[in-house]
Amino acid sequence: MNVISWNVHKRSRRVTEQVAAIKGHRPDILALQEVALKAWPLWREAAGTMGLNHSRFSLDHAAAYDAKHGVALFSRWPFAAA
């Protein structure tokens, strides 16, 4: 299993470059920290191109928080219910 973790804070404009760097490692699980709320759709789409079709984002319910950055988790496999 190949797991990659990356803090992407203040790099929203470089998503394309980051995805290119990650793709070569063929991750099974990708954990991203400090993902900007506005960059979340870009990351979700990019992760799909890597076969990481299952995702969770800590700001899915952002209206309840005053947060602008969150944690994103992507996987090749579905997440089990907790």
Protein backbone atom coordinates (compact mmCIF):
# COMPACT_ATOMS: atom_id res chain seq x y z
CA MET A 1 0.00 0.00 0.00
CA ASN A 2 1.35 3.40 -0.99
CA VAL A 3 0.34 6.30 1.28
CA ILE A 4 1.24 9.93 0.61
CA SER A 5 0.74 12.80 3.04
CA TRP A 6 1.34 16.42 2.00
CA ASN A 7 0.72 19.84 3.54
CA VAL A 8 -0.51 21.97 0.63
CA HIS A 9 -1.12 25.23 2.53
CA LYS A 10 -0.92 28.37 0.37
CA ARG A 11 -0.37 26.39 -2.81
CA SER A 12 -3.87 26.43 -4.33
CA ARG A 13 -2.54 27.88 -7.58
CA ARG A 14 -0.13 24.97 -7.95
CA VAL A 15 -2.61 22.08 -7.77
CA THR A 16 -1.73 20.96 -11.32
CA GLU A 17 1.98 20.80 -10.50
CA GLN A 18 1.34 18.99 -7.22
CA VAL A 19 -0.90 16.42 -8.92
CA ALA A 20 1.80 15.75 -11.52
CA ALA A 21 4.31 15.10 -8.73
CA ILE A 22 1.92 12.81 -6.86
CA LYS A 23 0.74 10.79 -9.88
CA GLY A 24 4.17 9.29 -10.46
CA HIS A 25 4.03 7.65 -7.04
CA ARG A 26 0.65 5.98 -7.71
CA PRO A 27 -0.78 6.43 -4.20
CA ASP A 28 -3.47 4.16 -2.81
CA ILE A 29 -4.25 6.70 -0.12
CA LEU A 30 -3.59 10.44 -0.27
CA ALA A 31 -3.86 12.67 2.80
CA LEU A 32 -3.67 16.42 2.28
CA GLN A 33 -3.45 18.93 5.08
CA GLU A 34 -4.50 22.60 4.99
CA VAL A 35 -6.49 22.29 1.77
CA ALA A 36 -8.19 25.60 1.00
CA LEU A 37 -11.96 25.34 0.81
CA LYS A 38 -11.87 26.86 -2.69
CA ALA A 39 -9.27 24.27 -3.81
CA TRP A 40 -11.28 21.26 -2.59
CA PRO A 41 -13.19 20.76 -5.89
CA LEU A 42 -9.90 20.90 -7.82
CA TRP A 43 -8.32 18.28 -5.59
CA ARG A 44 -11.38 16.03 -5.72
CA GLU A 45 -11.36 16.10 -9.52
CA ALA A 46 -7.59 15.56 -9.71
CA ALA A 47 -7.72 12.66 -7.28
CA GLY A 48 -10.27 10.96 -9.51
CA THR A 49 -7.79 11.04 -12.38
CA MET A 50 -5.44 9.03 -10.14
CA GLY A 51 -8.06 6.41 -9.36
CA LEU A 52 -8.66 7.85 -5.89
CA ASN A 53 -12.44 7.97 -6.26
CA HIS A 54 -13.39 7.91 -2.58
CA SER A 55 -12.90 11.04 -0.52
CA ARG A 56 -13.63 12.84 2.71
CA PHE A 57 -13.06 16.49 3.55
CA SER A 58 -13.10 17.92 7.05
CA LEU A 59 -14.93 21.04 5.84
CA ASP A 60 -17.84 19.25 4.17
CA HIS A 61 -20.02 21.04 6.71
CA ALA A 62 -18.03 24.29 6.64
CA ALA A 63 -21.10 26.45 7.19
CA ALA A 64 -20.96 25.39 10.84
CA TYR A 65 -17.34 26.56 11.15
CA ASP A 66 -15.31 29.64 10.38
CA ALA A 67 -12.53 27.55 8.84
CA LYS A 68 -10.97 28.14 5.45
CA HIS A 69 -8.59 25.16 5.38
CA GLY A 70 -9.20 21.51 6.10
CA VAL A 71 -7.91 17.97 5.78
CA ALA A 72 -8.71 15.89 2.68
CA LEU A 73 -8.42 12.12 2.50
CA PHE A 74 -8.61 10.15 -0.76
CA SER A 75 -8.60 6.40 -1.28
CA ARG A 76 -8.84 3.77 -4.00
CA TRP A 77 -11.28 1.89 -1.78
CA PRO A 78 -14.54 2.95 -0.11
CA PHE A 79 -14.41 4.18 3.45
CA ALA A 80 -16.07 1.96 6.04
CA ALA A 81 -18.71 3.48 8.29
CA ALA A 82 -17.37 4.29 11.73
